[in-house]
Amino acid sequence: MSTMAERNQSETLLQRLQAYARLTKPRVVSLIVFCAVIGMFLAVPGMPPLVPMVAATIGIALVAGAAAAVNCLVEQKIDAVMARTRARPLPLGEVNATETLLVSAVLGGFGLWLLYALVNPLTMWLTLGTFVGYAIIYTVILKPATPQNIVIGGASGAMPPVLGWAAMTGGVSHDALILFLIIFAWTPPHFWALCLYRAREYERAGLPMLPNTHGPQFTKLQVLLYTCILVAVTLLPFATRMSGWLYLSAALVLGGIFLGYAWALLKHYTDALAQRTFRFSILYLSLLFAVLLVDHYVKL
C-alpha cells in the first residue's frame, strides 16, 4: 500500500511540476532564447565568453518564463474561452493564482539575480524593462484597449537579441537595434495571421483585435504592408555591412516567400492559408536569424 501511495504522490508531484512548466510557455520562450543567443554570438567577433553566455541564456529564459506566467494569470478568463489556450493550467484548475504568482516571482527573481551577478547590470535592467513591457504594459494595458496592441507591445517581443548583445558587450549598438527592428516589423504580420483565423475566439473573449475592429480585408492588407516593411528592414544588416551576401540571398528568398503568403491571404483567403502563414512566419524568423549567424562566421 505504501509503495502505491508513494507512486501516486510522485505522479502528482510530476503533474504539478509539468503544469508549472506549461505556465512559462516553453515554445514561446524557446524562440525568445534563440533570438537572444543569436544576439550574443553576433555581438562578438569570435566565440562569446562561456560563463556570461550561459548565465545570460538561463537568466533571460527564466525572466521570459516569469513574464509568461503573469500573462497566463492575467488572461486566465480569456484563455478559458479560446480553443488554443483553454488547456493551459489555470483554466483547467491545475494550479491556482497564488502558485502562479509564486512561480513567476521565483523564476523572475532568480533570473534577474543571475543577470546582475554573472552578466552585467545593463542586461538585468533591460530584461526587467522587457518583463514590465510584456507582462504589464502589453498584457494589462494595451491588449484589452487597442487593436494596435501588438504593434506597440511588439517592442517587448523584439528585445531578446538586444538583451543578448548587451550581455556580451555591456552596451547596445546600432547593429543590435537593427535586430530589434527586424523582430519589431515581423511581429504584426506574424500575429495578425493568427488573429485572422482566430477572430471569432478573440471576439468572444472581448479583445479588440484588428480583424474584429477593422474587418478581415483591412487586416489582410496590413499583413501585406507590414510584410513589405519587414522585407525592407531585413536588408539593413547587409546595407550596414553587418552581414554579407549569404545573408542577403537568404533574406530575399525568405522575404519573397513571406510576401507570397501575404499576397495570397489578401487575394485568396482561407483559414487554412492563414494558419500556414502563421506557422511559416515562425520558421521564417528562425531561419533568418540562423543564416545571419552562419554569415557572421563565414565573414570571419
Protein backbone atom coordinates (compact mmCIF):
# COMPACT_ATOMS: atom_id res chain seq x y z
CA MET A 1 0.00 0.00 0.00
CA SER A 2 2.78 2.41 0.92
CA THR A 3 4.50 1.78 -2.39
CA MET A 4 1.28 2.57 -4.26
CA ALA A 5 0.79 5.75 -2.22
CA GLU A 6 4.36 6.85 -2.86
CA ARG A 7 3.92 6.22 -6.58
CA ASN A 8 0.72 8.29 -6.62
CA GLN A 9 2.45 11.10 -4.73
CA SER A 10 5.32 11.04 -7.21
CA GLU A 11 2.92 11.15 -10.16
CA THR A 12 1.00 14.03 -8.58
CA LEU A 13 4.23 15.95 -7.97
CA LEU A 14 5.34 15.33 -11.55
CA GLN A 15 2.00 16.52 -12.91
CA ARG A 16 2.20 19.65 -10.76
CA LEU A 17 5.73 20.40 -11.99
CA GLN A 18 4.61 19.87 -15.58
CA ALA A 19 1.76 22.31 -15.01
CA TYR A 20 4.20 24.88 -13.61
CA ALA A 21 6.40 24.38 -16.67
CA ARG A 22 3.44 24.93 -19.03
CA LEU A 23 2.73 28.23 -17.30
CA THR A 24 6.03 29.51 -18.70
CA LYS A 25 5.02 28.83 -22.35
CA PRO A 26 8.16 26.82 -23.23
CA ARG A 27 7.70 27.04 -27.02
CA VAL A 28 7.45 30.84 -26.91
CA VAL A 29 10.39 31.08 -24.51
CA SER A 30 12.50 28.83 -26.76
CA LEU A 31 12.16 31.32 -29.65
CA ILE A 32 12.96 34.20 -27.30
CA VAL A 33 16.09 32.45 -26.05
CA PHE A 34 17.10 31.50 -29.59
CA CYS A 35 17.00 35.15 -30.70
CA ALA A 36 18.85 36.26 -27.57
CA VAL A 37 21.62 33.71 -28.13
CA ILE A 38 21.97 34.80 -31.76
CA GLY A 39 22.43 38.34 -30.45
CA MET A 40 25.20 37.10 -28.14
CA PHE A 41 27.12 35.44 -30.98
CA LEU A 42 26.69 38.38 -33.35
CA ALA A 43 27.94 40.84 -30.72
CA VAL A 44 31.49 39.47 -30.66
CA PRO A 45 33.95 38.61 -33.42
CA GLY A 46 34.74 35.13 -32.12
CA MET A 47 33.08 32.84 -29.59
CA PRO A 48 31.23 34.53 -26.70
CA PRO A 49 32.74 34.02 -23.24
CA LEU A 50 31.20 30.86 -21.81
CA VAL A 51 30.18 31.87 -18.27
CA PRO A 52 28.32 35.11 -19.08
CA MET A 53 26.77 33.47 -22.15
CA VAL A 54 25.36 30.56 -20.14
CA ALA A 55 24.27 32.83 -17.28
CA ALA A 56 22.61 35.26 -19.70
CA THR A 57 20.81 32.46 -21.52
CA ILE A 58 19.44 30.98 -18.31
CA GLY A 59 18.60 34.38 -16.83
CA ILE A 60 16.74 35.61 -19.91
CA ALA A 61 14.86 32.29 -20.18
CA LEU A 62 13.79 32.44 -16.53
CA VAL A 63 12.55 36.03 -16.73
CA ALA A 64 10.75 35.29 -20.00
CA GLY A 65 9.07 32.33 -18.32
CA ALA A 66 8.08 34.53 -15.39
CA ALA A 67 6.50 37.06 -17.75
CA ALA A 68 4.60 34.26 -19.50
CA ALA A 69 3.25 33.06 -16.14
CA VAL A 70 1.99 36.56 -15.32
CA ASN A 71 0.37 36.69 -18.76
CA CYS A 72 -1.39 33.39 -18.03
CA LEU A 73 -2.59 34.73 -14.68
CA VAL A 74 -3.97 37.99 -16.07
CA GLU A 75 -5.64 36.30 -19.04
CA GLN A 76 -6.96 33.13 -17.39
CA LYS A 77 -10.62 34.07 -18.05
CA ILE A 78 -9.84 34.93 -21.66
CA ASP A 79 -7.82 31.72 -22.07
CA ALA A 80 -10.79 29.70 -20.83
CA VAL A 81 -12.97 30.73 -23.80
CA MET A 82 -10.36 30.35 -26.53
CA ALA A 83 -9.69 26.96 -28.14
CA ARG A 84 -5.94 27.41 -28.42
CA THR A 85 -5.49 28.41 -24.77
CA ARG A 86 -8.22 26.69 -22.75
CA ALA A 87 -5.92 23.74 -22.00
CA ARG A 88 -3.49 25.95 -20.09
CA PRO A 89 -3.00 25.08 -16.39
CA LEU A 90 -5.04 27.96 -14.89
CA PRO A 91 -8.25 27.43 -16.92
CA LEU A 92 -8.01 23.70 -16.18
CA GLY A 93 -7.59 24.36 -12.47
CA GLU A 94 -4.27 22.51 -12.30
CA VAL A 95 -2.68 25.46 -10.48
CA ASN A 96 -4.09 28.50 -8.70
CA ALA A 97 -3.33 32.22 -8.78
CA THR A 98 -1.11 32.12 -5.68
CA GLU A 99 1.02 29.32 -7.10
CA THR A 100 1.33 31.18 -10.41
CA LEU A 101 2.49 34.35 -8.69
CA LEU A 102 4.98 32.36 -6.64
CA VAL A 103 6.36 30.60 -9.73
CA SER A 104 6.72 33.94 -11.51
CA ALA A 105 8.40 35.60 -8.54
CA VAL A 106 10.90 32.77 -8.03
CA LEU A 107 11.79 32.42 -11.70
CA GLY A 108 11.94 36.16 -12.35
CA GLY A 109 13.84 36.98 -9.19
CA PHE A 110 16.46 34.29 -9.71
CA GLY A 111 16.79 35.16 -13.39
CA LEU A 112 17.37 38.85 -12.65
CA TRP A 113 19.88 37.98 -9.93
CA LEU A 114 21.82 35.79 -12.37
CA LEU A 115 21.94 38.60 -14.92
CA TYR A 116 23.08 41.15 -12.36
CA ALA A 117 25.66 38.95 -10.62
CA LEU A 118 27.15 36.99 -13.52
CA VAL A 119 26.47 39.14 -16.61
CA ASN A 120 26.11 42.91 -16.13
CA PRO A 121 23.64 45.40 -14.62
CA LEU A 122 22.58 46.81 -18.01
CA THR A 123 21.32 43.42 -19.17
CA MET A 124 19.45 42.95 -15.92
CA TRP A 125 17.71 46.33 -16.22
CA LEU A 126 16.88 45.84 -19.89
CA THR A 127 15.45 42.40 -19.11
CA LEU A 128 13.41 43.81 -16.23
CA GLY A 129 12.09 46.51 -18.58
CA THR A 130 11.15 43.84 -21.10
CA PHE A 131 9.30 41.92 -18.38
CA VAL A 132 7.32 45.02 -17.41
CA GLY A 133 6.65 45.84 -21.06
CA TYR A 134 5.18 42.42 -21.80
CA ALA A 135 3.57 41.37 -18.53
CA ILE A 136 2.16 44.77 -17.54
CA ILE A 137 2.09 47.31 -20.38
CA TYR A 138 1.10 44.88 -23.14
CA THR A 139 -0.95 42.28 -21.25
CA VAL A 140 -2.75 44.51 -18.74
CA ILE A 141 -2.99 47.88 -20.53
CA LEU A 142 -2.65 47.60 -24.30
CA LYS A 143 -4.18 44.24 -25.23
CA PRO A 144 -7.71 44.99 -23.96
CA ALA A 145 -7.59 48.65 -25.03
CA THR A 146 -6.47 48.98 -28.65
CA PRO A 147 -6.27 46.92 -31.86
CA GLN A 148 -2.73 48.29 -32.23
CA ASN A 149 -1.74 46.37 -29.10
CA ILE A 150 0.57 44.01 -30.96
CA VAL A 151 2.32 46.85 -32.80
CA ILE A 152 3.07 48.87 -29.68
CA GLY A 153 3.58 45.87 -27.42
CA GLY A 154 5.80 44.28 -30.06
CA ALA A 155 8.67 46.36 -28.72
CA SER A 156 8.97 43.98 -25.76
CA GLY A 157 8.96 40.93 -28.02
CA ALA A 158 11.70 42.47 -30.15
CA MET A 159 14.12 42.87 -27.24
CA PRO A 160 15.77 39.39 -26.98
CA PRO A 161 18.67 40.00 -29.43
CA VAL A 162 19.30 43.36 -27.74
CA LEU A 163 19.48 41.59 -24.38
CA GLY A 164 21.92 39.08 -25.81
CA TRP A 165 24.03 41.85 -27.32
CA ALA A 166 24.12 43.81 -24.07
CA ALA A 167 25.06 40.64 -22.17
CA MET A 168 28.23 40.22 -24.24
CA THR A 169 29.27 43.86 -24.71
CA GLY A 170 27.77 45.80 -21.82
CA GLY A 171 26.16 48.15 -24.34
CA VAL A 172 23.71 48.44 -27.23
CA SER A 173 24.99 49.28 -30.71
CA HIS A 174 23.20 50.20 -33.93
CA ASP A 175 23.59 46.57 -35.09
CA ALA A 176 21.62 45.40 -32.03
CA LEU A 177 18.91 47.92 -32.86
CA ILE A 178 18.69 46.52 -36.40
CA LEU A 179 17.99 43.09 -34.93
CA PHE A 180 15.35 44.73 -32.77
CA LEU A 181 13.75 46.36 -35.83
CA ILE A 182 13.59 43.05 -37.69
CA ILE A 183 11.56 41.36 -34.94
CA PHE A 184 9.51 44.52 -34.38
CA ALA A 185 8.48 44.59 -38.05
CA TRP A 186 7.93 40.80 -38.08
CA THR A 187 5.52 40.76 -35.15
CA PRO A 188 2.39 42.35 -36.75
CA PRO A 189 2.15 40.09 -39.84
CA HIS A 190 3.02 37.08 -37.68
CA PHE A 191 0.34 37.79 -35.08
CA TRP A 192 -2.36 39.16 -37.38
CA ALA A 193 -2.19 35.98 -39.46
CA LEU A 194 -3.15 34.17 -36.27
CA CYS A 195 -5.87 36.70 -35.46
CA LEU A 196 -7.48 36.23 -38.87
CA TYR A 197 -8.35 32.59 -38.32
CA ARG A 198 -8.98 33.04 -34.60
CA ALA A 199 -11.12 36.18 -34.98
CA ARG A 200 -14.31 34.65 -33.53
CA GLU A 201 -12.47 33.45 -30.45
CA TYR A 202 -10.98 36.90 -29.83
CA GLU A 203 -14.45 38.40 -30.31
CA ARG A 204 -15.91 36.04 -27.70
CA ALA A 205 -13.06 36.97 -25.36
CA GLY A 206 -13.85 40.67 -25.82
CA LEU A 207 -10.42 41.63 -27.11
CA PRO A 208 -10.20 44.41 -29.74
CA MET A 209 -8.09 42.58 -32.30
CA LEU A 210 -7.71 44.13 -35.74
CA PRO A 211 -9.94 41.69 -37.72
CA ASN A 212 -12.82 42.43 -35.33
CA THR A 213 -12.40 46.20 -35.12
CA HIS A 214 -11.44 46.98 -38.74
CA GLY A 215 -12.52 43.87 -40.62
CA PRO A 216 -10.62 40.98 -42.19
CA GLN A 217 -9.93 42.75 -45.50
CA PHE A 218 -8.20 45.66 -43.76
CA THR A 219 -6.23 43.21 -41.64
CA LYS A 220 -5.07 41.25 -44.69
CA LEU A 221 -3.90 44.49 -46.30
CA GLN A 222 -1.99 45.37 -43.13
CA VAL A 223 -0.34 41.94 -43.15
CA LEU A 224 0.87 42.59 -46.69
CA LEU A 225 2.07 46.14 -45.95
CA TYR A 226 3.91 45.12 -42.78
CA THR A 227 5.49 42.21 -44.62
CA CYS A 228 6.81 44.69 -47.20
CA ILE A 229 8.24 46.76 -44.34
CA LEU A 230 9.74 43.61 -42.84
CA VAL A 231 11.48 42.63 -46.08
CA ALA A 232 12.93 46.14 -46.38
CA VAL A 233 14.16 46.10 -42.77
CA THR A 234 15.83 42.71 -43.24
CA LEU A 235 18.10 44.31 -45.87
CA LEU A 236 19.63 46.62 -43.27
CA PRO A 237 22.22 44.12 -41.97
CA PHE A 238 23.67 43.91 -45.50
CA ALA A 239 23.39 47.67 -46.08
CA THR A 240 25.34 48.40 -42.87
CA ARG A 241 27.91 45.65 -43.60
CA MET A 242 26.82 43.69 -40.57
CA SER A 243 26.32 40.73 -42.90
CA GLY A 244 27.37 39.57 -46.34
CA TRP A 245 25.95 38.06 -49.50
CA LEU A 246 24.93 34.77 -47.91
CA TYR A 247 22.55 36.52 -45.56
CA LEU A 248 21.27 38.86 -48.28
CA SER A 249 20.42 35.92 -50.54
CA ALA A 250 18.56 34.12 -47.75
CA ALA A 251 16.74 37.29 -46.68
CA LEU A 252 15.50 37.89 -50.24
CA VAL A 253 14.36 34.29 -50.74
CA LEU A 254 12.64 34.05 -47.35
CA GLY A 255 11.15 37.50 -47.75
CA GLY A 256 9.82 36.59 -51.19
CA ILE A 257 8.09 33.51 -49.77
CA PHE A 258 6.59 35.55 -46.91
CA LEU A 259 5.35 38.16 -49.40
CA GLY A 260 3.80 35.36 -51.43
CA TYR A 261 1.87 34.18 -48.40
CA ALA A 262 0.77 37.73 -47.57
CA TRP A 263 -0.41 38.36 -51.14
CA ALA A 264 -2.28 35.05 -51.19
CA LEU A 265 -4.01 35.97 -47.93
CA LEU A 266 -5.21 39.21 -49.48
CA LYS A 267 -6.45 37.68 -52.72
CA HIS A 268 -7.39 34.09 -51.90
CA TYR A 269 -8.03 33.94 -48.16
CA THR A 270 -8.83 30.75 -46.30
CA ASP A 271 -8.40 29.94 -42.61
CA ALA A 272 -6.05 27.12 -43.60
CA LEU A 273 -3.87 29.56 -45.54
CA ALA A 274 -3.77 31.97 -42.61
CA GLN A 275 -2.71 29.10 -40.36
CA ARG A 276 0.08 28.14 -42.79
CA THR A 277 1.17 31.78 -42.94
CA PHE A 278 1.37 31.96 -39.17
CA ARG A 279 3.42 28.79 -38.99
CA PHE A 280 5.71 29.89 -41.79
CA SER A 281 6.32 33.21 -40.03
CA ILE A 282 7.88 31.35 -37.09
CA LEU A 283 10.07 29.30 -39.43
CA TYR A 284 10.93 32.48 -41.33
CA LEU A 285 12.32 34.27 -38.28
CA SER A 286 14.23 31.21 -37.09
CA LEU A 287 15.86 30.65 -40.49
CA LEU A 288 16.62 34.34 -40.99
CA PHE A 289 18.49 34.61 -37.70
CA ALA A 290 20.20 31.26 -38.20
CA VAL A 291 21.56 32.35 -41.59
CA LEU A 292 22.61 35.68 -40.10
CA LEU A 293 24.67 33.74 -37.57
CA VAL A 294 26.25 31.49 -40.21
CA ASP A 295 27.05 34.53 -42.33
CA HIS A 296 28.70 36.18 -39.32
CA TYR A 297 31.24 33.36 -39.03
CA VAL A 298 31.67 32.88 -42.78
CA LYS A 299 32.77 36.52 -42.96
CA LEU A 300 35.35 35.89 -40.27
